[in-house]
Amino acid sequence: MNREQLEHAIRTACQIIEKTEVIIVGSQAILGTYDEDVLPGDATMSRECDILPIADTDQETARLADVIEGVAGEWSPFEEQHGFSIDGVDLTTVVFPDGWRTRLVKVQNANTAGPTGHPWFTGWCLEPHDLCAAKLCAGREKDLNFVRALIEAKLVDRVVIRERLGLVERQYEGPTQRAADWLASFQRDD
């Protein structure tokens, strides 16, 4: 996926749910900070964009996520036409470090605008270290490869990732400890 596709996903998701803002929480959030030309292949190989709707209640967020998924998710006509899907997610999908909302990276430009040029829809992307902490807590092989690639490319700082892991709620202590152990073992391999 590239930055142009990210902007398309932002615009489309906002239009689907009739909101002006969404949050990008999956690996493609890295495109809010870095251009695909400087990113390693493992950081942009995903063909889906995970989008968290912004709503007043968790129930409404989940409902809007289902709407996005139904219109532009995997196997949809949208995916067939554009070569990527938009996956609606809710707050139960991702583990976030405390304060993540204050560090979001704004993506808003002419490419995120509606057909008439207005409004300019906004995609708020997870900050790279928050994204890595979330990916490490998920702990899937593709997530570990994503984080490894960003560390090896020197696009994220392991110390900051470790600090962000310390900001994850205690109820996620198991995934957070596994993530911290992986990060420590990765450091010893250098």
Protein backbone atom coordinates (compact mmCIF):
# COMPACT_ATOMS: atom_id res chain seq x y z
CA MET A 1 0.00 0.00 0.00
CA ASN A 2 1.18 3.55 -0.63
CA ARG A 3 0.35 7.06 0.62
CA GLU A 4 -2.09 7.72 -2.23
CA GLN A 5 -4.03 4.56 -1.32
CA LEU A 6 -4.01 5.58 2.36
CA GLU A 7 -5.52 8.94 1.43
CA HIS A 8 -8.10 7.16 -0.73
CA ALA A 9 -8.97 4.88 2.22
CA ILE A 10 -9.41 7.88 4.52
CA ARG A 11 -11.67 9.65 2.03
CA THR A 12 -13.73 6.54 1.33
CA ALA A 13 -14.16 5.49 4.97
CA CYS A 14 -15.27 8.99 5.96
CA GLN A 15 -17.78 9.08 3.11
CA ILE A 16 -19.13 5.61 3.95
CA ILE A 17 -19.84 6.49 7.59
CA GLU A 18 -20.63 10.16 6.95
CA LYS A 19 -17.97 11.42 9.37
CA THR A 20 -15.15 13.88 8.75
CA GLU A 21 -12.47 12.01 10.70
CA VAL A 22 -11.24 8.45 11.23
CA ILE A 23 -8.23 6.85 12.91
CA ILE A 24 -5.85 4.53 11.07
CA VAL A 25 -4.63 1.89 13.52
CA GLY A 26 -3.13 -0.83 11.33
CA SER A 27 0.31 -1.06 9.76
CA GLN A 28 -0.63 1.44 7.06
CA ALA A 29 -0.70 4.15 9.73
CA ILE A 30 3.07 4.29 9.19
CA LEU A 31 2.31 6.08 5.89
CA GLY A 32 1.08 9.06 7.92
CA THR A 33 4.66 9.65 9.05
CA TYR A 34 6.86 8.19 6.31
CA ASP A 35 6.64 8.11 2.53
CA GLU A 36 6.52 4.59 1.10
CA ASP A 37 9.83 5.27 -0.70
CA VAL A 38 11.76 5.29 2.61
CA LEU A 39 9.89 2.37 4.17
CA PRO A 40 11.11 -1.24 4.01
CA GLY A 41 8.93 -3.65 2.03
CA ASP A 42 7.63 -5.39 5.17
CA ALA A 43 6.15 -2.07 6.30
CA THR A 44 3.93 -1.55 3.25
CA MET A 45 3.09 -5.07 2.07
CA SER A 46 -0.37 -5.15 3.66
CA ARG A 47 -3.26 -4.72 1.24
CA GLU A 48 -5.75 -3.60 3.87
CA CYS A 49 -6.16 -0.41 5.85
CA ASP A 50 -7.50 -0.84 9.40
CA ILE A 51 -9.73 2.11 10.26
CA LEU A 52 -11.24 2.96 13.63
CA PRO A 53 -14.31 5.20 13.32
CA ILE A 54 -14.61 8.10 15.75
CA ALA A 55 -17.96 8.02 17.56
CA ASP A 56 -19.50 8.97 20.90
CA THR A 57 -19.91 5.41 22.20
CA ASP A 58 -18.10 2.10 21.82
CA GLN A 59 -21.31 0.59 20.44
CA GLU A 60 -21.55 3.26 17.73
CA THR A 61 -17.86 2.82 16.90
CA ALA A 62 -18.43 -0.93 16.46
CA ARG A 63 -21.53 -0.30 14.32
CA LEU A 64 -19.68 2.12 12.05
CA ALA A 65 -16.74 -0.31 11.80
CA ASP A 66 -19.19 -2.96 10.56
CA VAL A 67 -20.55 -0.53 7.97
CA ILE A 68 -17.05 0.19 6.64
CA GLU A 69 -16.26 -3.52 6.56
CA GLY A 70 -19.48 -4.31 4.71
CA VAL A 71 -18.90 -1.73 1.99
CA ALA A 72 -15.11 -1.79 1.51
CA GLY A 73 -13.80 -4.82 3.40
CA GLU A 74 -12.13 -7.96 2.16
CA TRP A 75 -13.76 -9.51 -0.93
CA SER A 76 -15.85 -6.38 -1.54
CA PRO A 77 -16.34 -4.76 -4.95
CA PHE A 78 -14.24 -1.87 -3.55
CA GLU A 79 -11.29 -4.21 -2.99
CA GLU A 80 -11.74 -5.76 -6.41
CA GLN A 81 -11.73 -2.34 -8.08
CA HIS A 82 -8.95 -0.67 -6.08
CA GLY A 83 -6.66 -3.54 -5.07
CA PHE A 84 -6.92 -2.98 -1.31
CA SER A 85 -9.59 -3.23 1.34
CA ILE A 86 -10.67 -1.04 4.23
CA ASP A 87 -11.22 -3.00 7.42
CA GLY A 88 -13.40 -1.35 10.03
CA VAL A 89 -12.16 -2.02 13.56
CA ASP A 90 -13.32 -1.06 17.03
CA LEU A 91 -11.57 -0.31 20.31
CA THR A 92 -11.45 -4.00 21.27
CA THR A 93 -9.27 -4.79 18.25
CA VAL A 94 -6.05 -3.02 19.25
CA VAL A 95 -4.07 -2.54 22.47
CA PHE A 96 -2.97 1.10 22.79
CA PRO A 97 -0.40 2.76 25.08
CA ASP A 98 -1.83 5.40 27.38
CA GLY A 99 -1.84 8.84 25.74
CA TRP A 100 -1.94 7.51 22.18
CA ARG A 101 -4.63 9.96 21.10
CA THR A 102 -2.38 12.92 21.95
CA ARG A 103 0.32 11.62 19.59
CA LEU A 104 -1.77 10.91 16.48
CA VAL A 105 -0.36 12.07 13.14
CA LYS A 106 -2.76 14.08 10.97
CA VAL A 107 -3.25 13.25 7.29
CA GLN A 108 -5.44 15.82 5.57
CA ASN A 109 -4.91 17.26 2.10
CA ALA A 110 -6.55 17.67 -1.29
CA ASN A 111 -6.35 13.89 -1.82
CA THR A 112 -8.50 13.26 1.26
CA ALA A 113 -11.20 15.66 0.06
CA GLY A 114 -14.60 14.69 -1.18
CA PRO A 115 -15.52 14.87 -4.90
CA THR A 116 -16.35 18.60 -4.72
CA GLY A 117 -13.06 19.40 -2.99
CA HIS A 118 -14.72 19.87 0.38
CA PRO A 119 -14.62 18.82 3.07
CA TRP A 120 -11.03 17.73 3.44
CA PHE A 121 -11.50 14.51 5.41
CA THR A 122 -8.97 13.74 8.13
CA GLY A 123 -7.18 10.52 8.89
CA TRP A 124 -5.44 10.37 12.24
CA CYS A 125 -2.61 7.82 12.06
CA LEU A 126 -1.04 6.11 15.04
CA GLU A 127 2.37 7.57 15.82
CA PRO A 128 5.06 5.03 14.77
CA HIS A 129 6.15 4.03 18.30
CA ASP A 130 2.54 3.61 19.45
CA LEU A 131 1.92 1.57 16.31
CA CYS A 132 4.92 -0.65 17.07
CA ALA A 133 3.79 -1.17 20.66
CA ALA A 134 0.33 -2.18 19.42
CA LYS A 135 1.84 -4.51 16.80
CA LEU A 136 4.14 -6.16 19.36
CA CYS A 137 1.20 -6.71 21.72
CA ALA A 138 -0.70 -8.39 18.87
CA GLY A 139 2.36 -10.60 18.47
CA ARG A 140 1.56 -12.20 15.12
CA GLU A 141 4.50 -13.08 12.89
CA LYS A 142 3.56 -10.38 10.38
CA ASP A 143 3.45 -7.80 13.20
CA LEU A 144 6.86 -8.81 14.51
CA ASN A 145 8.27 -8.63 10.96
CA PHE A 146 6.75 -5.16 10.57
CA VAL A 147 8.37 -3.88 13.77
CA ARG A 148 11.68 -5.60 13.01
CA ALA A 149 11.79 -3.93 9.59
CA LEU A 150 11.17 -0.47 11.05
CA ILE A 151 13.82 -0.96 13.74
CA GLU A 152 16.38 -2.23 11.23
CA ALA A 153 15.63 0.75 8.96
CA LYS A 154 16.19 3.02 12.00
CA LEU A 155 12.75 4.58 11.57
CA VAL A 156 11.72 3.83 15.17
CA ASP A 157 13.65 3.78 18.44
CA ARG A 158 13.58 0.59 20.53
CA VAL A 159 13.89 2.59 23.76
CA VAL A 160 10.77 4.60 22.93
CA ILE A 161 8.88 1.43 21.97
CA ARG A 162 9.84 -0.12 25.32
CA GLU A 163 8.62 3.04 27.10
CA ARG A 164 5.31 2.86 25.22
CA LEU A 165 4.88 -0.79 26.20
CA GLY A 166 5.10 0.44 29.80
CA LEU A 167 2.10 2.67 29.11
CA VAL A 168 -0.23 -0.19 28.12
CA GLU A 169 -3.03 -0.94 30.61
CA ARG A 170 -2.29 -3.66 33.18
CA GLN A 171 -5.12 -5.85 31.90
CA TYR A 172 -2.87 -6.54 28.89
CA GLU A 173 0.12 -7.53 31.02
CA GLY A 174 0.60 -10.89 29.24
CA PRO A 175 0.84 -9.51 25.69
CA THR A 176 2.88 -6.56 26.93
CA GLN A 177 5.41 -8.83 28.66
CA ARG A 178 5.73 -11.02 25.56
CA ALA A 179 6.28 -7.87 23.52
CA ALA A 180 8.93 -6.58 25.93
CA ASP A 181 10.67 -9.99 25.90
CA TRP A 182 10.69 -10.02 22.10
CA LEU A 183 12.10 -6.50 22.01
CA ALA A 184 14.82 -7.44 24.53
CA SER A 185 15.77 -10.57 22.56
CA PHE A 186 15.85 -8.53 19.35
CA GLN A 187 18.31 -6.14 20.98
CA ARG A 188 20.61 -8.99 22.05
CA ASP A 189 20.71 -10.22 18.46
CA ASP A 190 22.29 -6.94 17.25
